[in-house]
Amino acid sequence: MNIDLNSDLGESFGARRMGDDAAMLGIVSSANVACGFHAGDPAGILQTLRRARENGVTVGAHVAYPDLAGFGRRPMDVASADLRADVIYQIGALKGLATAAGTTVRYVKPHGALYNTIAKDERQAQDVIAAIREIDAGLVLVALAGSPLIGWAQAQGLRVVAEAFADRAYESDGSLVSRRKPGSVLHDPQEVATRMLRLAREGVVTAIDGSTVRIEADSICVHGDSPGAVEMAREVRGLLEREGVAIRSFVEPAAAGQGADALPPRQPRRRARRAG
């Protein structure tokens, strides 16, 4: 049994420091690297990419709405032409920096409000799907487990990996609890690790209302900007490995110049549903 462990990295901007990329890159198997729209500056992104290569960590483009002030967490009604161009621009920029760092971009994971919007908004979802296919159809899309986005992307020929969140609470329908609600973000490393072990073994988590929700995912995210993120990621990885669950990226990292489809990832098994 194996599962991917990913984190959002490269999010420092100038004097504003976000997370501990160096420590996280010694723990995770995949790094969702900011592309400058919600966070990240070129020098910091390049440094994160170089550290990812040194640690053998797979790199993905963490594309977002153009929202530095709101850290990409404010929903936006972006016109289709603009959204497609924005996504292409971000992936292209990260590809260039990755080449300079001696690695390559292997997947795309939308960030924040864009991630949540395209999980259910078909118009914006199709714009993001089209943008990925236009720049590199071999890139894997990371999507919220159980969301309609998975089917929409697969229908357009993209390979998709379903994702669960270690440090976020779930509603009974398998959606994430809004950050505006109390209890939406989890902070206890041991509690989070235990939840993720159950997810890996049984494909279920306990929702915020106490019900059991089935969420089958091949990747687990620990947000890099959360307080205690490094301790949480280390606890999750340690418990999973002690219990026989290997931490392995859904697609192997590749040196710059290698194709994005060198190793096909596993496909997500089923969309999330409420467990009986």
Protein backbone atom coordinates (compact mmCIF):
# COMPACT_ATOMS: atom_id res chain seq x y z
CA MET A 1 0.00 0.00 0.00
CA ASN A 2 1.30 3.46 -0.86
CA ILE A 3 0.05 7.03 -1.02
CA ASP A 4 1.39 10.44 -2.01
CA LEU A 5 2.03 13.20 0.54
CA ASN A 6 2.07 16.72 -0.89
CA SER A 7 2.37 20.29 0.38
CA ASP A 8 1.95 23.83 -0.98
CA LEU A 9 5.41 25.38 -1.18
CA GLY A 10 7.30 28.30 -2.76
CA GLU A 11 4.81 30.73 -1.23
CA SER A 12 7.18 33.25 0.36
CA PHE A 13 7.03 36.69 -1.23
CA GLY A 14 9.92 39.07 -0.64
CA ALA A 15 10.20 39.74 3.08
CA ARG A 16 6.97 37.84 3.77
CA ARG A 17 8.04 34.33 4.71
CA MET A 18 5.56 31.47 4.39
CA GLY A 19 6.23 28.03 5.81
CA ASP A 20 9.47 26.06 5.96
CA ASP A 21 10.10 24.68 2.47
CA ALA A 22 13.48 23.17 3.32
CA ALA A 23 12.01 21.06 6.13
CA MET A 24 8.85 20.07 4.22
CA LEU A 25 10.86 18.92 1.22
CA GLY A 26 12.54 16.36 3.46
CA ILE A 27 9.12 14.88 4.30
CA VAL A 28 6.74 15.11 1.33
CA SER A 29 6.85 13.20 -1.95
CA SER A 30 5.25 15.96 -4.08
CA ALA A 31 5.52 19.76 -3.96
CA ASN A 32 2.79 22.08 -5.23
CA VAL A 33 4.93 25.09 -6.12
CA ALA A 34 3.41 28.57 -6.31
CA CYS A 35 3.54 30.27 -9.70
CA GLY A 36 3.48 33.93 -8.62
CA PHE A 37 -0.24 34.66 -8.89
CA HIS A 38 -1.30 34.00 -5.29
CA ALA A 39 2.16 33.86 -3.73
CA GLY A 40 5.84 33.36 -4.49
CA ASP A 41 8.57 35.44 -6.09
CA PRO A 42 10.91 34.17 -8.84
CA ALA A 43 14.02 33.83 -6.66
CA GLY A 44 12.17 32.00 -3.91
CA ILE A 45 10.35 29.72 -6.34
CA LEU A 46 13.64 28.83 -8.02
CA GLN A 47 15.22 28.00 -4.67
CA THR A 48 12.29 25.75 -3.76
CA LEU A 49 12.54 23.97 -7.11
CA ARG A 50 16.25 23.34 -6.60
CA ARG A 51 15.60 21.92 -3.15
CA ALA A 52 12.85 19.72 -4.56
CA ARG A 53 15.30 18.29 -7.09
CA GLU A 54 17.90 17.67 -4.40
CA ASN A 55 15.34 15.76 -2.32
CA GLY A 56 13.88 13.78 -5.22
CA VAL A 57 10.48 15.42 -4.75
CA THR A 58 8.02 15.59 -7.65
CA VAL A 59 7.06 19.13 -8.72
CA GLY A 60 3.61 20.42 -9.64
CA ALA A 61 2.33 23.85 -10.72
CA HIS A 62 0.14 25.41 -8.03
CA VAL A 63 -1.90 27.70 -10.30
CA ALA A 64 -4.29 30.29 -8.87
CA TYR A 65 -6.41 33.35 -9.46
CA PRO A 66 -4.39 36.60 -9.74
CA ASP A 67 -4.83 37.44 -6.06
CA LEU A 68 -1.65 38.23 -4.15
CA ALA A 69 -3.50 40.38 -1.62
CA GLY A 70 -5.98 37.62 -0.78
CA PHE A 71 -3.52 34.73 -1.07
CA GLY A 72 -5.68 33.28 -3.83
CA ARG A 73 -8.49 32.44 -1.44
CA ARG A 74 -11.06 34.92 -2.80
CA PRO A 75 -13.49 33.54 -5.43
CA MET A 76 -13.35 35.34 -8.78
CA ASP A 77 -15.58 35.33 -11.83
CA VAL A 78 -12.80 35.38 -14.43
CA ALA A 79 -13.66 35.44 -18.13
CA SER A 80 -12.81 32.19 -19.93
CA ALA A 81 -10.17 33.71 -22.22
CA ASP A 82 -8.43 35.31 -19.26
CA LEU A 83 -8.59 32.22 -17.06
CA ARG A 84 -7.15 29.98 -19.76
CA ALA A 85 -4.34 32.42 -20.47
CA ASP A 86 -3.63 32.86 -16.74
CA VAL A 87 -3.25 29.10 -16.24
CA ILE A 88 -1.07 28.68 -19.33
CA TYR A 89 1.10 31.61 -18.22
CA GLN A 90 1.64 30.19 -14.73
CA ILE A 91 2.49 26.68 -15.92
CA GLY A 92 4.84 28.10 -18.53
CA ALA A 93 6.64 30.28 -16.00
CA LEU A 94 7.12 27.39 -13.60
CA LYS A 95 8.30 25.13 -16.42
CA GLY A 96 11.02 27.64 -17.25
CA LEU A 97 12.18 27.95 -13.66
CA ALA A 98 12.06 24.18 -13.23
CA THR A 99 14.32 23.70 -16.24
CA ALA A 100 16.83 26.12 -14.72
CA ALA A 101 16.62 24.16 -11.45
CA GLY A 102 17.31 20.84 -13.18
CA THR A 103 13.83 19.38 -12.77
CA THR A 104 10.48 19.50 -14.57
CA VAL A 105 6.81 20.12 -13.85
CA ARG A 106 4.87 16.85 -13.66
CA TYR A 107 1.37 17.87 -12.62
CA VAL A 108 -1.01 20.77 -11.95
CA LYS A 109 -2.87 21.44 -8.70
CA PRO A 110 -5.09 24.54 -8.61
CA HIS A 111 -4.88 26.59 -5.42
CA GLY A 112 -7.39 27.98 -2.96
CA ALA A 113 -10.53 29.55 -4.40
CA LEU A 114 -9.74 28.31 -7.91
CA TYR A 115 -9.40 24.74 -6.60
CA ASN A 116 -12.74 24.92 -4.80
CA THR A 117 -14.54 26.69 -7.64
CA ILE A 118 -13.57 24.29 -10.42
CA ALA A 119 -14.44 21.32 -8.22
CA LYS A 120 -18.09 22.12 -9.04
CA ASP A 121 -18.23 25.01 -11.56
CA GLU A 122 -18.09 23.35 -14.98
CA ARG A 123 -17.41 26.51 -16.99
CA GLN A 124 -14.27 27.44 -15.08
CA ALA A 125 -13.30 23.78 -14.78
CA GLN A 126 -13.38 23.36 -18.55
CA ASP A 127 -11.25 26.50 -18.93
CA VAL A 128 -8.57 25.09 -16.63
CA ILE A 129 -8.73 21.68 -18.34
CA ALA A 130 -8.38 23.31 -21.76
CA ALA A 131 -5.41 25.38 -20.60
CA ILE A 132 -3.58 22.31 -19.31
CA ARG A 133 -4.24 20.41 -22.53
CA GLU A 134 -3.01 23.34 -24.62
CA ILE A 135 0.32 23.72 -22.84
CA ASP A 136 1.04 20.06 -21.95
CA ALA A 137 -1.62 17.35 -22.17
CA GLY A 138 0.73 14.95 -20.37
CA LEU A 139 0.45 16.84 -17.09
CA VAL A 140 -1.56 15.16 -14.33
CA LEU A 141 -4.40 17.13 -12.70
CA VAL A 142 -4.80 16.91 -8.92
CA ALA A 143 -8.44 17.37 -7.92
CA LEU A 144 -10.65 17.20 -4.84
CA ALA A 145 -11.68 13.60 -4.20
CA GLY A 146 -15.31 13.02 -5.14
CA SER A 147 -15.69 16.24 -7.12
CA PRO A 148 -17.33 16.42 -10.59
CA LEU A 149 -14.05 17.89 -11.85
CA ILE A 150 -12.52 14.42 -11.93
CA GLY A 151 -15.02 13.16 -14.49
CA TRP A 152 -14.89 16.34 -16.57
CA ALA A 153 -11.11 16.18 -16.81
CA GLN A 154 -11.00 12.47 -17.60
CA ALA A 155 -13.57 12.99 -20.36
CA GLN A 156 -11.13 15.45 -21.96
CA GLY A 157 -8.28 12.94 -21.80
CA LEU A 158 -6.43 14.25 -18.74
CA ARG A 159 -5.11 11.89 -16.10
CA VAL A 160 -6.41 12.79 -12.67
CA VAL A 161 -5.33 12.05 -9.11
CA ALA A 162 -7.89 12.45 -6.32
CA GLU A 163 -6.70 14.34 -3.25
CA ALA A 164 -7.65 14.43 0.43
CA PHE A 165 -6.63 17.04 3.00
CA ALA A 166 -4.95 16.09 6.25
CA ASP A 167 -5.47 19.41 8.01
CA ARG A 168 -8.99 20.28 6.83
CA ALA A 169 -12.38 19.21 8.19
CA TYR A 170 -14.98 17.63 5.90
CA GLU A 171 -18.71 18.11 5.55
CA SER A 172 -20.96 15.04 5.46
CA ASP A 173 -21.17 15.25 1.64
CA GLY A 174 -17.39 14.97 1.22
CA SER A 175 -16.78 18.68 0.58
CA LEU A 176 -14.34 20.73 2.63
CA VAL A 177 -15.67 22.80 5.52
CA SER A 178 -15.42 26.48 4.62
CA ARG A 179 -12.49 28.28 6.22
CA ARG A 180 -15.02 30.84 7.48
CA LYS A 181 -16.51 28.21 9.83
CA PRO A 182 -15.07 27.21 13.22
CA GLY A 183 -13.23 23.91 13.18
CA SER A 184 -12.47 24.03 9.45
CA VAL A 185 -8.71 23.69 9.99
CA LEU A 186 -7.24 20.88 12.13
CA HIS A 187 -4.15 21.47 14.27
CA ASP A 188 -3.43 18.36 16.36
CA PRO A 189 -0.67 16.37 14.58
CA GLN A 190 -1.56 13.05 16.20
CA GLU A 191 -5.27 13.43 15.46
CA VAL A 192 -4.51 14.34 11.86
CA ALA A 193 -2.11 11.42 11.43
CA THR A 194 -4.67 8.98 12.81
CA ARG A 195 -7.32 10.34 10.44
CA MET A 196 -5.01 9.92 7.48
CA LEU A 197 -4.08 6.36 8.46
CA ARG A 198 -7.77 5.50 8.45
CA LEU A 199 -8.16 7.24 5.10
CA ALA A 200 -5.30 5.24 3.61
CA ARG A 201 -6.54 1.92 5.00
CA GLU A 202 -10.33 2.26 4.81
CA GLY A 203 -10.99 5.19 2.48
CA VAL A 204 -13.06 7.07 5.08
CA VAL A 205 -12.82 10.07 7.42
CA THR A 206 -15.04 11.40 10.17
CA ALA A 207 -16.96 14.51 9.07
CA ILE A 208 -17.41 17.61 11.22
CA ASP A 209 -20.90 16.42 12.21
CA GLY A 210 -19.59 13.04 13.37
CA SER A 211 -20.78 11.06 10.36
CA THR A 212 -18.47 8.83 8.35
CA VAL A 213 -17.63 9.92 4.81
CA ARG A 214 -16.02 7.77 2.14
CA ILE A 215 -13.15 9.65 0.47
CA GLU A 216 -10.92 7.55 -1.73
CA ALA A 217 -7.76 9.44 -2.62
CA ASP A 218 -4.26 8.73 -3.86
CA SER A 219 -2.70 11.92 -2.47
CA ILE A 220 -2.80 13.66 0.91
CA CYS A 221 -2.13 17.39 1.32
CA VAL A 222 -0.69 19.16 4.36
CA HIS A 223 -0.84 22.92 3.84
CA GLY A 224 2.64 24.36 4.10
CA ASP A 225 1.45 27.67 5.58
CA SER A 226 -0.51 26.11 8.46
CA PRO A 227 0.88 26.56 11.99
CA GLY A 228 2.86 23.44 12.90
CA ALA A 229 2.76 22.19 9.31
CA VAL A 230 6.16 20.52 9.45
CA GLU A 231 5.36 18.65 12.68
CA MET A 232 2.01 17.60 11.23
CA ALA A 233 3.52 16.31 7.97
CA ARG A 234 6.26 14.49 9.87
CA GLU A 235 3.68 12.84 12.15
CA VAL A 236 1.49 11.80 9.21
CA ARG A 237 4.40 10.30 7.32
CA GLY A 238 5.83 8.59 10.40
CA LEU A 239 2.57 6.92 11.40
CA LEU A 240 1.73 5.81 7.87
CA GLU A 241 5.16 4.28 7.35
CA ARG A 242 5.13 2.55 10.72
CA GLU A 243 1.81 0.99 9.75
CA GLY A 244 3.11 -0.24 6.40
CA VAL A 245 1.89 2.55 4.10
CA ALA A 246 4.70 3.74 1.83
CA ILE A 247 4.93 7.43 0.91
CA ARG A 248 5.40 7.67 -2.85
CA SER A 249 4.46 10.28 -5.42
CA PHE A 250 1.74 9.37 -7.90
CA VAL A 251 4.23 10.21 -10.66
CA GLU A 252 7.99 10.03 -10.36
CA PRO A 253 10.10 13.20 -10.53
CA ALA A 254 11.98 13.63 -13.79
CA ALA A 255 15.05 15.55 -14.81
CA ALA A 256 14.59 18.62 -16.99
CA GLY A 257 13.86 17.67 -20.58
CA GLN A 258 12.10 14.40 -19.80
CA GLY A 259 8.46 14.01 -20.83
CA ALA A 260 5.69 14.56 -18.33
CA ASP A 261 4.21 11.14 -18.98
CA ALA A 262 7.18 8.92 -18.15
CA LEU A 263 5.23 7.08 -15.45
CA PRO A 264 1.42 7.03 -15.50
CA PRO A 265 -0.22 7.58 -12.11
CA ARG A 266 -2.90 5.43 -10.61
CA GLN A 267 -6.41 6.61 -11.41
CA PRO A 268 -8.75 7.56 -8.55
CA ARG A 269 -11.03 4.72 -7.63
CA ARG A 270 -14.47 6.24 -7.08
CA ARG A 271 -15.98 9.57 -6.24
CA ALA A 272 -16.56 10.30 -2.58
CA ARG A 273 -19.87 9.29 -1.11
CA ARG A 274 -21.39 9.11 2.33
CA ALA A 275 -20.54 5.77 3.90
CA GLY A 276 -23.43 3.60 4.95
